[in-house]
C-alpha atoms as a PDB file:
ATOM      1  CA  UNK A   1    -104.690 -15.586  41.842  1.00  0.00           C
ATOM      2  CA  UNK A   2    -101.435 -16.765  40.217  1.00  0.00           C
ATOM      3  CA  UNK A   3    -101.412 -17.480  36.537  1.00  0.00           C
ATOM      4  CA  UNK A   4    -100.926 -21.293  36.269  1.00  0.00           C
ATOM      5  CA  UNK A   5     -98.636 -20.909  33.268  1.00  0.00           C
ATOM      6  CA  UNK A   6     -96.328 -18.516  35.130  1.00  0.00           C
ATOM      7  CA  UNK A   7     -96.300 -20.680  38.235  1.00  0.00           C
ATOM      8  CA  UNK A   8     -95.451 -23.773  36.212  1.00  0.00           C
ATOM      9  CA  UNK A   9     -92.695 -21.902  34.372  1.00  0.00           C
ATOM     10  CA  UNK A  10     -91.103 -20.648  37.598  1.00  0.00           C
ATOM     11  CA  UNK A  11     -91.193 -24.091  39.178  1.00  0.00           C
ATOM     12  CA  UNK A  12     -89.535 -25.579  36.114  1.00  0.00           C
ATOM     13  CA  UNK A  13     -86.824 -22.899  36.108  1.00  0.00           C
ATOM     14  CA  UNK A  14     -85.593 -23.937  39.553  1.00  0.00           C
ATOM     15  CA  UNK A  15     -85.243 -27.576  38.663  1.00  0.00           C
ATOM     16  CA  UNK A  16     -82.114 -28.927  37.015  1.00  0.00           C
ATOM     17  CA  UNK A  17     -82.668 -28.750  33.220  1.00  0.00           C
ATOM     18  CA  UNK A  18     -83.672 -32.063  31.692  1.00  0.00           C
ATOM     19  CA  UNK A  19     -81.675 -33.558  28.849  1.00  0.00           C
ATOM     20  CA  UNK A  20     -84.335 -32.541  26.355  1.00  0.00           C
ATOM     21  CA  UNK A  21     -84.369 -28.919  27.548  1.00  0.00           C
ATOM     22  CA  UNK A  22     -80.712 -27.951  27.380  1.00  0.00           C
ATOM     23  CA  UNK A  23     -77.932 -27.727  24.841  1.00  0.00           C
ATOM     24  CA  UNK A  24     -76.038 -30.994  24.793  1.00  0.00           C
ATOM     25  CA  UNK A  25     -72.717 -29.161  24.514  1.00  0.00           C
ATOM     26  CA  UNK A  26     -73.599 -26.051  26.563  1.00  0.00           C
ATOM     27  CA  UNK A  27     -71.511 -25.108  29.556  1.00  0.00           C
ATOM     28  CA  UNK A  28     -73.376 -23.961  32.641  1.00  0.00           C
ATOM     29  CA  UNK A  29     -72.035 -21.313  34.953  1.00  0.00           C
ATOM     30  CA  UNK A  30     -73.451 -20.503  38.382  1.00  0.00           C
ATOM     31  CA  UNK A  31     -73.228 -16.790  38.936  1.00  0.00           C
ATOM     32  CA  UNK A  32     -74.881 -13.962  40.845  1.00  0.00           C
ATOM     33  CA  UNK A  33     -76.056 -12.227  37.672  1.00  0.00           C
ATOM     34  CA  UNK A  34     -79.231 -10.270  37.085  1.00  0.00           C
ATOM     35  CA  UNK A  35     -80.328 -11.796  33.799  1.00  0.00           C
ATOM     36  CA  UNK A  36     -80.988 -15.185  32.265  1.00  0.00           C
ATOM     37  CA  UNK A  37     -79.556 -15.582  28.787  1.00  0.00           C
ATOM     38  CA  UNK A  38     -80.758 -18.231  26.389  1.00  0.00           C
ATOM     39  CA  UNK A  39     -77.880 -19.223  24.082  1.00  0.00           C
ATOM     40  CA  UNK A  40     -78.101 -18.218  20.416  1.00  0.00           C
ATOM     41  CA  UNK A  41     -81.254 -19.483  18.786  1.00  0.00           C
ATOM     42  CA  UNK A  42     -81.424 -16.795  16.102  1.00  0.00           C
ATOM     43  CA  UNK A  43     -82.662 -17.665  12.653  1.00  0.00           C
ATOM     44  CA  UNK A  44     -79.197 -17.153  11.181  1.00  0.00           C
ATOM     45  CA  UNK A  45     -77.654 -19.913  13.296  1.00  0.00           C
ATOM     46  CA  UNK A  46     -80.574 -22.289  12.911  1.00  0.00           C
ATOM     47  CA  UNK A  47     -81.047 -21.818   9.172  1.00  0.00           C
ATOM     48  CA  UNK A  48     -77.463 -21.294   8.010  1.00  0.00           C
ATOM     49  CA  UNK A  49     -75.584 -23.736  10.222  1.00  0.00           C
ATOM     50  CA  UNK A  50     -78.394 -26.057  11.291  1.00  0.00           C
ATOM     51  CA  UNK A  51     -77.422 -25.371  14.880  1.00  0.00           C
ATOM     52  CA  UNK A  52     -79.778 -27.908  16.481  1.00  0.00           C
ATOM     53  CA  UNK A  53     -78.159 -30.985  14.962  1.00  0.00           C
ATOM     54  CA  UNK A  54     -74.768 -29.668  13.873  1.00  0.00           C
ATOM     55  CA  UNK A  55     -73.670 -28.041  17.112  1.00  0.00           C
ATOM     56  CA  UNK A  56     -75.182 -30.649  19.385  1.00  0.00           C
ATOM     57  CA  UNK A  57     -78.457 -28.909  20.071  1.00  0.00           C
ATOM     58  CA  UNK A  58     -81.649 -30.803  20.744  1.00  0.00           C
ATOM     59  CA  UNK A  59     -84.696 -30.247  18.575  1.00  0.00           C
ATOM     60  CA  UNK A  60     -86.483 -28.294  21.289  1.00  0.00           C
ATOM     61  CA  UNK A  61     -85.766 -24.831  22.640  1.00  0.00           C
ATOM     62  CA  UNK A  62     -83.671 -24.705  25.840  1.00  0.00           C
ATOM     63  CA  UNK A  63     -86.798 -24.171  27.943  1.00  0.00           C
ATOM     64  CA  UNK A  64     -90.419 -24.763  27.011  1.00  0.00           C
ATOM     65  CA  UNK A  65     -92.879 -21.872  27.238  1.00  0.00           C
ATOM     66  CA  UNK A  66     -95.744 -24.366  27.737  1.00  0.00           C
ATOM     67  CA  UNK A  67     -98.016 -22.573  25.315  1.00  0.00           C
ATOM     68  CA  UNK A  68     -97.615 -19.151  26.949  1.00  0.00           C
ATOM     69  CA  UNK A  69     -98.673 -16.307  24.596  1.00  0.00           C
ATOM     70  CA  UNK A  70     -95.650 -14.494  23.046  1.00  0.00           C
ATOM     71  CA  UNK A  71     -96.566 -11.227  24.763  1.00  0.00           C
ATOM     72  CA  UNK A  72     -96.125 -12.861  28.178  1.00  0.00           C
ATOM     73  CA  UNK A  73     -92.708 -14.373  27.489  1.00  0.00           C
ATOM     74  CA  UNK A  74     -90.680 -11.338  28.618  1.00  0.00           C
ATOM     75  CA  UNK A  75     -92.746 -10.928  31.778  1.00  0.00           C
ATOM     76  CA  UNK A  76     -92.387 -14.597  32.640  1.00  0.00           C
ATOM     77  CA  UNK A  77     -88.645 -14.530  32.004  1.00  0.00           C
ATOM     78  CA  UNK A  78     -88.213 -11.433  34.195  1.00  0.00           C
ATOM     79  CA  UNK A  79     -90.180 -13.084  36.992  1.00  0.00           C
ATOM     80  CA  UNK A  80     -88.094 -16.249  36.705  1.00  0.00           C
ATOM     81  CA  UNK A  81     -84.858 -14.255  36.785  1.00  0.00           C
ATOM     82  CA  UNK A  82     -85.959 -12.310  39.851  1.00  0.00           C
ATOM     83  CA  UNK A  83     -86.934 -15.469  41.710  1.00  0.00           C
ATOM     84  CA  UNK A  84     -83.672 -17.220  40.828  1.00  0.00           C
ATOM     85  CA  UNK A  85     -81.575 -14.139  41.648  1.00  0.00           C
ATOM     86  CA  UNK A  86     -83.223 -13.934  45.073  1.00  0.00           C
ATOM     87  CA  UNK A  87     -82.164 -17.546  45.587  1.00  0.00           C
ATOM     88  CA  UNK A  88     -78.567 -16.407  45.041  1.00  0.00           C
ATOM     89  CA  UNK A  89     -77.752 -17.875  41.636  1.00  0.00           C
ATOM     90  CA  UNK A  90     -78.662 -17.680  38.016  1.00  0.00           C
ATOM     91  CA  UNK A  91     -77.931 -20.307  35.395  1.00  0.00           C
ATOM     92  CA  UNK A  92     -76.430 -18.871  32.258  1.00  0.00           C
ATOM     93  CA  UNK A  93     -76.186 -20.994  29.118  1.00  0.00           C
ATOM     94  CA  UNK A  94     -73.225 -20.253  26.871  1.00  0.00           C
ATOM     95  CA  UNK A  95     -73.822 -20.991  23.224  1.00  0.00           C
ATOM     96  CA  UNK A  96     -73.188 -19.600  19.751  1.00  0.00           C
ATOM     97  CA  UNK A  97     -74.968 -16.329  19.118  1.00  0.00           C
ATOM     98  CA  UNK A  98     -73.843 -15.225  15.649  1.00  0.00           C
ATOM     99  CA  UNK A  99     -72.218 -16.292  12.415  1.00  0.00           C
ATOM    100  CA  UNK A 100     -69.311 -14.685  10.605  1.00  0.00           C
ATOM    101  CA  UNK A 101     -67.853 -15.166   7.143  1.00  0.00           C
ATOM    102  CA  UNK A 102     -64.320 -16.509   7.587  1.00  0.00           C
ATOM    103  CA  UNK A 103     -61.657 -18.415   5.666  1.00  0.00           C
ATOM    104  CA  UNK A 104     -59.821 -21.684   6.262  1.00  0.00           C
ATOM    105  CA  UNK A 105     -56.246 -21.858   4.889  1.00  0.00           C
ATOM    106  CA  UNK A 106     -55.159 -25.142   3.317  1.00  0.00           C
ATOM    107  CA  UNK A 107     -51.458 -24.345   3.590  1.00  0.00           C
ATOM    108  CA  UNK A 108     -48.865 -25.541   1.064  1.00  0.00           C
ATOM    109  CA  UNK A 109     -48.410 -29.253   0.281  1.00  0.00           C
ATOM    110  CA  UNK A 110     -45.673 -30.426  -2.135  1.00  0.00           C
ATOM    111  CA  UNK A 111     -46.890 -33.265  -4.394  1.00  0.00           C
ATOM    112  CA  UNK A 112     -44.524 -35.148  -6.690  1.00  0.00           C
ATOM    113  CA  UNK A 113     -45.408 -35.790 -10.316  1.00  0.00           C
ATOM    114  CA  UNK A 114     -48.325 -38.222 -10.891  1.00  0.00           C
ATOM    115  CA  UNK A 115     -48.831 -38.628  -7.126  1.00  0.00           C
ATOM    116  CA  UNK A 116     -51.844 -37.951  -4.937  1.00  0.00           C
ATOM    117  CA  UNK A 117     -52.080 -36.314  -1.515  1.00  0.00           C
ATOM    118  CA  UNK A 118     -54.662 -35.493   1.121  1.00  0.00           C
ATOM    119  CA  UNK A 119     -54.578 -31.866   2.227  1.00  0.00           C
ATOM    120  CA  UNK A 120     -56.029 -31.635   5.743  1.00  0.00           C
ATOM    121  CA  UNK A 121     -57.181 -28.628   7.765  1.00  0.00           C
ATOM    122  CA  UNK A 122     -58.846 -28.493  11.193  1.00  0.00           C
ATOM    123  CA  UNK A 123     -60.983 -25.426  11.988  1.00  0.00           C
ATOM    124  CA  UNK A 124     -60.735 -24.304  15.603  1.00  0.00           C
ATOM    125  CA  UNK A 125     -64.100 -22.528  15.720  1.00  0.00           C
ATOM    126  CA  UNK A 126     -67.376 -23.837  17.191  1.00  0.00           C
ATOM    127  CA  UNK A 127     -68.548 -24.834  13.723  1.00  0.00           C
ATOM    128  CA  UNK A 128     -67.436 -23.942  10.201  1.00  0.00           C
ATOM    129  CA  UNK A 129     -69.603 -24.407   7.109  1.00  0.00           C
ATOM    130  CA  UNK A 130     -67.473 -24.509   3.922  1.00  0.00           C
ATOM    131  CA  UNK A 131     -69.073 -22.707   0.981  1.00  0.00           C
ATOM    132  CA  UNK A 132     -66.275 -22.197  -1.553  1.00  0.00           C
ATOM    133  CA  UNK A 133     -62.955 -23.883  -2.351  1.00  0.00           C
ATOM    134  CA  UNK A 134     -60.545 -21.501  -4.074  1.00  0.00           C
ATOM    135  CA  UNK A 135     -57.491 -22.800  -5.981  1.00  0.00           C
ATOM    136  CA  UNK A 136     -55.013 -20.268  -7.469  1.00  0.00           C
ATOM    137  CA  UNK A 137     -55.011 -20.028 -11.271  1.00  0.00           C
ATOM    138  CA  UNK A 138     -51.213 -20.447 -11.291  1.00  0.00           C
ATOM    139  CA  UNK A 139     -51.412 -24.060 -10.063  1.00  0.00           C
ATOM    140  CA  UNK A 140     -54.933 -25.171 -11.014  1.00  0.00           C
ATOM    141  CA  UNK A 141     -53.887 -26.719 -14.406  1.00  0.00           C
ATOM    142  CA  UNK A 142     -51.448 -28.993 -12.552  1.00  0.00           C
ATOM    143  CA  UNK A 143     -53.999 -30.643 -10.255  1.00  0.00           C
ATOM    144  CA  UNK A 144     -57.271 -32.526 -10.096  1.00  0.00           C
ATOM    145  CA  UNK A 145     -59.577 -32.436  -7.073  1.00  0.00           C
ATOM    146  CA  UNK A 146     -60.298 -36.079  -6.255  1.00  0.00           C
ATOM    147  CA  UNK A 147     -62.399 -35.687  -3.124  1.00  0.00           C
ATOM    148  CA  UNK A 148     -63.639 -33.271  -0.498  1.00  0.00           C
ATOM    149  CA  UNK A 149     -64.384 -34.758   2.907  1.00  0.00           C
ATOM    150  CA  UNK A 150     -65.828 -33.463   6.162  1.00  0.00           C
ATOM    151  CA  UNK A 151     -64.456 -35.963   8.631  1.00  0.00           C
ATOM    152  CA  UNK A 152     -64.928 -39.155   6.615  1.00  0.00           C
ATOM    153  CA  UNK A 153     -68.090 -38.027   4.805  1.00  0.00           C
ATOM    154  CA  UNK A 154     -67.688 -37.281   1.052  1.00  0.00           C
ATOM    155  CA  UNK A 155     -69.138 -33.971  -0.120  1.00  0.00           C
ATOM    156  CA  UNK A 156     -69.577 -35.011  -3.750  1.00  0.00           C
ATOM    157  CA  UNK A 157     -72.543 -36.861  -5.224  1.00  0.00           C
ATOM    158  CA  UNK A 158     -70.247 -39.549  -6.648  1.00  0.00           C
ATOM    159  CA  UNK A 159     -66.600 -40.531  -6.584  1.00  0.00           C
ATOM    160  CA  UNK A 160     -64.246 -39.235  -9.248  1.00  0.00           C
ATOM    161  CA  UNK A 161     -61.830 -36.438 -10.092  1.00  0.00           C
ATOM    162  CA  UNK A 162     -62.658 -32.900 -11.180  1.00  0.00           C
ATOM    163  CA  UNK A 163     -60.278 -30.369 -12.761  1.00  0.00           C
ATOM    164  CA  UNK A 164     -58.904 -27.957 -10.203  1.00  0.00           C
ATOM    165  CA  UNK A 165     -59.829 -25.213 -12.674  1.00  0.00           C
ATOM    166  CA  UNK A 166     -63.434 -25.824 -11.578  1.00  0.00           C
ATOM    167  CA  UNK A 167     -62.467 -24.123  -8.324  1.00  0.00           C
ATOM    168  CA  UNK A 168     -60.728 -21.027  -9.659  1.00  0.00           C
ATOM    169  CA  UNK A 169     -61.540 -17.833  -7.709  1.00  0.00           C
ATOM    170  CA  UNK A 170     -63.317 -16.558 -10.838  1.00  0.00           C
ATOM    171  CA  UNK A 171     -65.270 -19.776 -11.501  1.00  0.00           C
ATOM    172  CA  UNK A 172     -69.019 -19.324 -11.920  1.00  0.00           C
ATOM    173  CA  UNK A 173     -71.451 -21.342  -9.761  1.00  0.00           C
ATOM    174  CA  UNK A 174     -68.611 -22.975  -7.850  1.00  0.00           C
ATOM    175  CA  UNK A 175     -70.188 -22.452  -4.426  1.00  0.00           C
ATOM    176  CA  UNK A 176     -70.632 -25.490  -2.175  1.00  0.00           C
ATOM    177  CA  UNK A 177     -73.089 -26.457   0.545  1.00  0.00           C
ATOM    178  CA  UNK A 178     -70.867 -28.764   2.585  1.00  0.00           C
ATOM    179  CA  UNK A 179     -71.624 -30.358   5.928  1.00  0.00           C
ATOM    180  CA  UNK A 180     -70.594 -28.275   8.927  1.00  0.00           C
ATOM    181  CA  UNK A 181     -67.091 -28.987  10.219  1.00  0.00           C
ATOM    182  CA  UNK A 182     -67.089 -29.306  14.008  1.00  0.00           C
ATOM    183  CA  UNK A 183     -64.279 -28.030  16.236  1.00  0.00           C
ATOM    184  CA  UNK A 184     -60.988 -29.782  15.352  1.00  0.00           C
ATOM    185  CA  UNK A 185     -62.753 -32.093  12.875  1.00  0.00           C
ATOM    186  CA  UNK A 186     -60.811 -32.805   9.679  1.00  0.00           C
ATOM    187  CA  UNK A 187     -61.647 -31.034   6.446  1.00  0.00           C
ATOM    188  CA  UNK A 188     -59.811 -32.963   3.726  1.00  0.00           C
ATOM    189  CA  UNK A 189     -59.195 -32.173   0.058  1.00  0.00           C
ATOM    190  CA  UNK A 190     -57.769 -35.033  -2.010  1.00  0.00           C
ATOM    191  CA  UNK A 191     -55.615 -33.865  -4.937  1.00  0.00           C
ATOM    192  CA  UNK A 192     -53.498 -35.415  -7.706  1.00  0.00           C
ATOM    193  CA  UNK A 193     -50.550 -33.766  -9.444  1.00  0.00           C
ATOM    194  CA  UNK A 194     -51.061 -34.302 -13.196  1.00  0.00           C
ATOM    195  CA  UNK A 195     -48.016 -32.319 -14.281  1.00  0.00           C
ATOM    196  CA  UNK A 196     -44.626 -33.796 -15.077  1.00  0.00           C
ATOM    197  CA  UNK A 197     -42.834 -32.355 -12.070  1.00  0.00           C
ATOM    198  CA  UNK A 198     -43.256 -31.714  -8.355  1.00  0.00           C
ATOM    199  CA  UNK A 199     -45.842 -29.039  -7.655  1.00  0.00           C
ATOM    200  CA  UNK A 200     -47.067 -27.410  -4.445  1.00  0.00           C
ATOM    201  CA  UNK A 201     -50.816 -27.405  -3.858  1.00  0.00           C
ATOM    202  CA  UNK A 202     -52.259 -24.343  -2.181  1.00  0.00           C
ATOM    203  CA  UNK A 203     -55.815 -23.283  -1.562  1.00  0.00           C
ATOM    204  CA  UNK A 204     -58.313 -21.479   0.644  1.00  0.00           C
ATOM    205  CA  UNK A 205     -61.787 -22.436   1.826  1.00  0.00           C
ATOM    206  CA  UNK A 206     -64.345 -19.696   2.458  1.00  0.00           C
ATOM    207  CA  UNK A 207     -67.441 -20.156   4.579  1.00  0.00           C
ATOM    208  CA  UNK A 208     -69.381 -19.160   7.677  1.00  0.00           C
ATOM    209  CA  UNK A 209     -68.528 -19.930  11.261  1.00  0.00           C
ATOM    210  CA  UNK A 210     -70.571 -19.905  14.460  1.00  0.00           C
ATOM    211  CA  UNK A 211     -69.217 -17.908  17.379  1.00  0.00           C
ATOM    212  CA  UNK A 212     -70.371 -16.521  20.698  1.00  0.00           C
END
């Protein structure tokens, strides 16, 4: 006699995934493969980048196990794959599977004396979580950091300027826990030149990025 849980799982696997059971931003590819891959739901992605809400994931896993004991999961998945492969197609979900520590360059922005400027960068990865802003010691005394924005969302707990020296590479406890920057979303650092002459602002942002 068939296990009801397995039968229910196999029936569900052949139906088009419901909105609550798939990644909102996942791309689906029909292919004659031999395995079914569930896009990255490792602890690192979920805990570090908040993948469910920050990369467009729903709060549920891509496919419900309907209370099936953990020991049966691999058997059920293999059975589902075999049944779908025999039907001639397998659905593969493409999603982020790992995180890497990367950097985001802020380039070089000339700022005249006593003037302010917005320095904008746009990460081209799936998602980038800024963790440290680094300003060179050679220019830090000439600038204040007026704001840090992800999109239009401020990353400070109140408005106001901070000395750029707070973000020296050697500064202690200068790590940040910014919102995740989505693909091509603006990451903006507002600066003011407090010297008496034109200065060029430069900087680097370090953080972690999701990738497949």
